[in-house]
């Protein structure tokens, strides 16, 4: 079973029906932040449900890496490589350019 399938089973797990998890959750004091609670929830799941569960797996990070790999593959066949490189650089610079224009507008 791959990491994505294990993460799907983790997200589909019936947390409300598990008395052991509910007891653990009720004994947490003070209640941790949502980020820390998610970390503890993953560790609890690994320790009590699936010993092979990867607590550091992040589906968003994997999706981002896949998108980065697709972008690095280069221009599609028949496309102008210089225009393609310019387009890729412009897409990467857009957030910084928008921020700069916004700050310049605010200052002046």
N, C-alpha and C. Protein backbone atom coordinates (compact mmCIF):
# COMPACT_ATOMS: atom_id res chain seq x y z
N UNK A 1 0.85 -1.18 0.00
CA UNK A 1 0.00 0.00 0.00
C UNK A 1 0.89 1.24 0.00
N UNK A 2 0.63 2.17 -0.89
CA UNK A 2 1.48 3.36 -0.98
C UNK A 2 1.07 4.40 0.05
N UNK A 3 1.89 5.43 0.15
CA UNK A 3 1.69 6.46 1.17
C UNK A 3 0.38 7.20 0.97
N UNK A 4 0.00 7.46 -0.28
CA UNK A 4 -1.24 8.19 -0.55
C UNK A 4 -2.45 7.37 -0.10
N UNK A 5 -2.42 6.07 -0.34
CA UNK A 5 -3.53 5.21 0.09
C UNK A 5 -3.60 5.13 1.61
N UNK A 6 -2.44 5.06 2.25
CA UNK A 6 -2.43 5.03 3.72
C UNK A 6 -2.96 6.35 4.29
N UNK A 7 -2.60 7.47 3.65
CA UNK A 7 -3.10 8.75 4.13
C UNK A 7 -4.61 8.85 3.93
N UNK A 8 -5.11 8.29 2.82
CA UNK A 8 -6.56 8.30 2.57
C UNK A 8 -7.28 7.50 3.65
N UNK A 9 -6.73 6.35 4.02
CA UNK A 9 -7.36 5.55 5.08
C UNK A 9 -7.29 6.29 6.43
N UNK A 10 -6.23 7.07 6.63
CA UNK A 10 -6.11 7.90 7.85
C UNK A 10 -7.20 8.97 7.88
N UNK A 11 -7.40 9.64 6.75
CA UNK A 11 -8.42 10.71 6.72
C UNK A 11 -9.83 10.14 6.78
N UNK A 12 -10.02 8.91 6.28
CA UNK A 12 -11.35 8.29 6.31
C UNK A 12 -11.63 7.56 7.62
N UNK A 13 -10.66 7.50 8.49
CA UNK A 13 -10.82 6.76 9.75
C UNK A 13 -11.93 7.38 10.60
N UNK A 14 -12.68 6.55 11.24
CA UNK A 14 -13.80 6.99 12.09
C UNK A 14 -13.29 7.36 13.48
N UNK A 15 -12.87 8.60 13.62
CA UNK A 15 -12.28 9.06 14.88
C UNK A 15 -13.31 9.15 15.99
N UNK A 16 -14.51 9.55 15.69
CA UNK A 16 -15.55 9.73 16.71
C UNK A 16 -15.98 8.40 17.32
N UNK A 17 -15.85 7.32 16.58
CA UNK A 17 -16.28 6.01 17.06
C UNK A 17 -15.22 5.27 17.86
N UNK A 18 -14.00 5.77 17.89
CA UNK A 18 -12.92 5.10 18.59
C UNK A 18 -12.84 5.63 20.02
N UNK A 19 -13.22 4.80 20.97
CA UNK A 19 -13.24 5.21 22.39
C UNK A 19 -11.83 5.49 22.91
N UNK A 20 -10.85 4.74 22.43
CA UNK A 20 -9.48 4.94 22.88
C UNK A 20 -8.97 6.33 22.46
N UNK A 21 -9.26 6.74 21.22
CA UNK A 21 -8.85 8.07 20.76
C UNK A 21 -9.60 9.15 21.54
N UNK A 22 -10.89 8.96 21.76
CA UNK A 22 -11.69 9.95 22.49
C UNK A 22 -11.17 10.13 23.92
N UNK A 23 -10.76 9.03 24.55
CA UNK A 23 -10.18 9.12 25.89
C UNK A 23 -8.87 9.90 25.86
N UNK A 24 -8.04 9.58 24.88
CA UNK A 24 -6.77 10.29 24.72
C UNK A 24 -7.02 11.78 24.51
N UNK A 25 -7.95 12.10 23.63
CA UNK A 25 -8.26 13.49 23.31
C UNK A 25 -8.81 14.24 24.52
N UNK A 26 -9.67 13.59 25.28
CA UNK A 26 -10.26 14.24 26.46
C UNK A 26 -9.24 14.46 27.57
N UNK A 27 -8.16 13.69 27.58
CA UNK A 27 -7.14 13.84 28.62
C UNK A 27 -6.03 14.82 28.24
N UNK A 28 -6.12 15.42 27.06
CA UNK A 28 -5.14 16.43 26.68
C UNK A 28 -5.49 17.74 27.36
N UNK A 29 -4.57 18.25 28.14
CA UNK A 29 -4.79 19.54 28.79
C UNK A 29 -3.48 20.28 28.90
N UNK A 30 -3.41 21.50 28.50
CA UNK A 30 -4.43 22.25 27.78
C UNK A 30 -4.55 21.73 26.35
N UNK A 31 -5.66 22.02 25.72
CA UNK A 31 -5.90 21.57 24.35
C UNK A 31 -4.85 22.22 23.43
N UNK A 32 -4.10 21.41 22.68
CA UNK A 32 -3.05 21.97 21.81
C UNK A 32 -3.65 22.70 20.61
N UNK A 33 -2.81 23.46 19.93
CA UNK A 33 -3.24 24.15 18.72
C UNK A 33 -3.62 23.11 17.67
N UNK A 34 -4.31 23.53 16.63
CA UNK A 34 -4.75 22.61 15.59
C UNK A 34 -3.57 21.92 14.91
N UNK A 35 -2.50 22.65 14.69
CA UNK A 35 -1.31 22.07 14.04
C UNK A 35 -0.71 20.98 14.92
N UNK A 36 -0.55 21.26 16.21
CA UNK A 36 0.01 20.28 17.13
C UNK A 36 -0.95 19.11 17.34
N UNK A 37 -2.25 19.40 17.36
CA UNK A 37 -3.24 18.34 17.51
C UNK A 37 -3.18 17.38 16.32
N UNK A 38 -3.02 17.92 15.11
CA UNK A 38 -2.89 17.08 13.92
C UNK A 38 -1.65 16.21 14.02
N UNK A 39 -0.56 16.75 14.53
CA UNK A 39 0.68 15.99 14.68
C UNK A 39 0.48 14.84 15.69
N UNK A 40 -0.17 15.14 16.80
CA UNK A 40 -0.42 14.10 17.80
C UNK A 40 -1.39 13.05 17.28
N UNK A 41 -2.36 13.50 16.50
CA UNK A 41 -3.34 12.58 15.92
C UNK A 41 -2.65 11.60 14.97
N UNK A 42 -1.71 12.10 14.17
CA UNK A 42 -0.97 11.23 13.25
C UNK A 42 -0.11 10.23 14.03
N UNK A 43 0.54 10.70 15.09
CA UNK A 43 1.37 9.80 15.90
C UNK A 43 0.51 8.74 16.57
N UNK A 44 -0.64 9.16 17.09
CA UNK A 44 -1.55 8.21 17.74
C UNK A 44 -2.01 7.17 16.73
N UNK A 45 -2.35 7.59 15.53
CA UNK A 45 -2.80 6.67 14.48
C UNK A 45 -1.70 5.68 14.14
N UNK A 46 -0.46 6.17 14.02
CA UNK A 46 0.67 5.29 13.72
C UNK A 46 0.88 4.28 14.85
N UNK A 47 0.80 4.74 16.08
CA UNK A 47 1.09 3.87 17.21
C UNK A 47 -0.02 2.87 17.50
N UNK A 48 -1.26 3.22 17.19
CA UNK A 48 -2.39 2.37 17.58
C UNK A 48 -3.13 1.69 16.43
N UNK A 49 -3.03 2.21 15.23
CA UNK A 49 -3.81 1.65 14.12
C UNK A 49 -2.92 1.06 13.03
N UNK A 50 -2.00 1.85 12.49
CA UNK A 50 -1.18 1.42 11.35
C UNK A 50 0.28 1.72 11.64
N UNK A 51 1.03 0.69 11.95
CA UNK A 51 2.45 0.85 12.31
C UNK A 51 3.30 1.39 11.16
N UNK A 52 2.85 1.22 9.92
CA UNK A 52 3.61 1.67 8.75
C UNK A 52 3.18 3.04 8.25
N UNK A 53 2.32 3.72 8.97
CA UNK A 53 1.82 5.03 8.54
C UNK A 53 2.93 6.07 8.66
N UNK A 54 3.12 6.85 7.60
CA UNK A 54 4.16 7.89 7.56
C UNK A 54 3.56 9.18 8.12
N UNK A 55 3.98 9.60 9.30
CA UNK A 55 3.39 10.79 9.92
C UNK A 55 3.85 12.07 9.25
N UNK A 56 4.90 12.02 8.45
CA UNK A 56 5.41 13.21 7.78
C UNK A 56 4.88 13.38 6.36
N UNK A 57 4.03 12.47 5.90
CA UNK A 57 3.50 12.55 4.54
C UNK A 57 2.57 13.75 4.42
N UNK A 58 2.77 14.53 3.35
CA UNK A 58 1.93 15.69 3.08
C UNK A 58 1.47 15.61 1.63
N UNK A 59 0.18 15.36 1.38
CA UNK A 59 -0.28 15.23 0.00
C UNK A 59 -0.12 16.51 -0.80
N UNK A 60 -0.22 17.66 -0.16
CA UNK A 60 -0.05 18.93 -0.87
C UNK A 60 1.40 19.08 -1.35
N UNK A 61 2.35 18.68 -0.53
CA UNK A 61 3.76 18.77 -0.91
C UNK A 61 4.05 17.84 -2.09
N UNK A 62 3.46 16.65 -2.06
CA UNK A 62 3.66 15.71 -3.17
C UNK A 62 3.05 16.26 -4.46
N UNK A 63 1.88 16.86 -4.36
CA UNK A 63 1.23 17.45 -5.52
C UNK A 63 2.08 18.60 -6.08
N UNK A 64 2.65 19.41 -5.19
CA UNK A 64 3.50 20.52 -5.61
C UNK A 64 4.75 20.01 -6.32
N UNK A 65 5.36 18.95 -5.79
CA UNK A 65 6.55 18.39 -6.42
C UNK A 65 6.23 17.84 -7.80
N UNK A 66 5.07 17.20 -7.94
CA UNK A 66 4.67 16.68 -9.25
C UNK A 66 4.47 17.81 -10.25
N UNK A 67 3.88 18.91 -9.81
CA UNK A 67 3.69 20.06 -10.69
C UNK A 67 5.03 20.67 -11.09
N UNK A 68 5.96 20.76 -10.14
CA UNK A 68 7.29 21.29 -10.44
C UNK A 68 8.01 20.42 -11.47
N UNK A 69 7.89 19.11 -11.33
CA UNK A 69 8.53 18.20 -12.27
C UNK A 69 7.94 18.35 -13.67
N UNK A 70 6.62 18.54 -13.74
CA UNK A 70 5.98 18.71 -15.04
C UNK A 70 6.44 20.01 -15.69
N UNK A 71 6.61 21.07 -14.89
CA UNK A 71 7.05 22.35 -15.45
C UNK A 71 8.49 22.29 -15.93
N UNK A 72 9.33 21.48 -15.29
CA UNK A 72 10.74 21.40 -15.66
C UNK A 72 10.98 20.56 -16.91
N UNK A 73 9.96 19.91 -17.40
CA UNK A 73 10.15 19.03 -18.55
C UNK A 73 10.46 19.79 -19.81
N UNK A 74 10.19 21.07 -19.86
CA UNK A 74 10.54 21.86 -21.03
C UNK A 74 9.33 22.15 -21.89
N UNK A 75 9.58 22.83 -22.98
CA UNK A 75 8.48 23.24 -23.85
C UNK A 75 7.84 22.05 -24.57
N UNK A 76 6.56 22.18 -24.89
CA UNK A 76 5.93 21.11 -25.66
C UNK A 76 6.53 21.04 -27.07
N UNK A 77 6.41 19.93 -27.72
CA UNK A 77 7.00 19.79 -29.07
C UNK A 77 6.45 20.85 -30.03
N UNK A 78 7.34 21.46 -30.78
CA UNK A 78 6.94 22.46 -31.75
C UNK A 78 6.84 23.87 -31.20
N UNK A 79 7.00 24.05 -29.89
CA UNK A 79 6.91 25.38 -29.29
C UNK A 79 8.26 26.07 -29.34
N UNK A 80 8.22 27.38 -29.35
CA UNK A 80 9.45 28.17 -29.35
C UNK A 80 10.06 28.08 -27.95
N UNK A 81 11.26 27.54 -27.80
CA UNK A 81 11.84 27.37 -26.46
C UNK A 81 12.11 28.69 -25.75
N UNK A 82 12.42 29.75 -26.50
CA UNK A 82 12.68 31.04 -25.87
C UNK A 82 11.39 31.65 -25.34
N UNK A 83 10.31 31.54 -26.10
CA UNK A 83 9.02 32.05 -25.65
C UNK A 83 8.53 31.25 -24.44
N UNK A 84 8.76 29.95 -24.48
CA UNK A 84 8.35 29.09 -23.36
C UNK A 84 9.11 29.48 -22.09
N UNK A 85 10.41 29.68 -22.19
CA UNK A 85 11.22 30.07 -21.03
C UNK A 85 10.77 31.42 -20.49
N UNK A 86 10.47 32.36 -21.38
CA UNK A 86 9.99 33.68 -20.96
C UNK A 86 8.66 33.55 -20.23
N UNK A 87 7.77 32.73 -20.76
CA UNK A 87 6.46 32.54 -20.13
C UNK A 87 6.61 31.93 -18.74
N UNK A 88 7.48 30.94 -18.59
CA UNK A 88 7.70 30.31 -17.29
C UNK A 88 8.28 31.30 -16.28
N UNK A 89 9.23 32.13 -16.72
CA UNK A 89 9.83 33.12 -15.83
C UNK A 89 8.80 34.16 -15.43
N UNK A 90 7.94 34.55 -16.34
CA UNK A 90 6.91 35.54 -16.04
C UNK A 90 5.91 34.99 -15.02
N UNK A 91 5.55 33.72 -15.14
CA UNK A 91 4.62 33.11 -14.18
C UNK A 91 5.23 33.05 -12.79
N UNK A 92 6.52 32.78 -12.71
CA UNK A 92 7.19 32.72 -11.42
C UNK A 92 7.35 34.10 -10.80
N UNK A 93 7.49 35.13 -11.62
CA UNK A 93 7.73 36.49 -11.12
C UNK A 93 6.43 37.21 -10.79
N UNK A 94 5.30 36.74 -11.28
CA UNK A 94 4.03 37.45 -11.09
C UNK A 94 3.70 37.76 -9.63
N UNK A 95 3.79 36.83 -8.69
CA UNK A 95 3.45 37.18 -7.32
C UNK A 95 4.32 38.31 -6.75
N UNK A 96 5.62 38.27 -7.03
CA UNK A 96 6.49 39.33 -6.54
C UNK A 96 6.17 40.66 -7.21
N UNK A 97 5.85 40.63 -8.49
CA UNK A 97 5.53 41.85 -9.22
C UNK A 97 4.24 42.46 -8.68
N UNK A 98 3.25 41.64 -8.43
CA UNK A 98 1.99 42.15 -7.87
C UNK A 98 2.21 42.77 -6.50
N UNK A 99 3.03 42.13 -5.68
CA UNK A 99 3.33 42.66 -4.37
C UNK A 99 4.04 44.00 -4.49
N UNK A 100 5.02 44.08 -5.38
CA UNK A 100 5.77 45.31 -5.57
C UNK A 100 4.84 46.44 -6.04
N UNK A 101 3.96 46.16 -6.99
CA UNK A 101 3.04 47.18 -7.49
C UNK A 101 2.09 47.62 -6.38
N UNK A 102 1.63 46.68 -5.58
CA UNK A 102 0.74 47.01 -4.48
C UNK A 102 1.41 47.88 -3.44
N UNK A 103 2.64 47.57 -3.09
CA UNK A 103 3.39 48.36 -2.10
C UNK A 103 3.71 49.74 -2.68
N UNK A 104 4.10 49.79 -3.94
CA UNK A 104 4.41 51.08 -4.57
C UNK A 104 3.16 51.95 -4.63
N UNK A 105 2.02 51.36 -4.94
CA UNK A 105 0.77 52.12 -4.99
C UNK A 105 0.43 52.68 -3.60
N UNK A 106 0.65 51.84 -2.58
CA UNK A 106 0.35 52.27 -1.20
C UNK A 106 1.27 53.38 -0.76
N UNK A 107 2.55 53.31 -1.11
CA UNK A 107 3.52 54.32 -0.67
C UNK A 107 3.35 55.65 -1.40
N UNK A 108 2.99 55.60 -2.68
CA UNK A 108 2.89 56.82 -3.46
C UNK A 108 1.46 57.17 -3.64
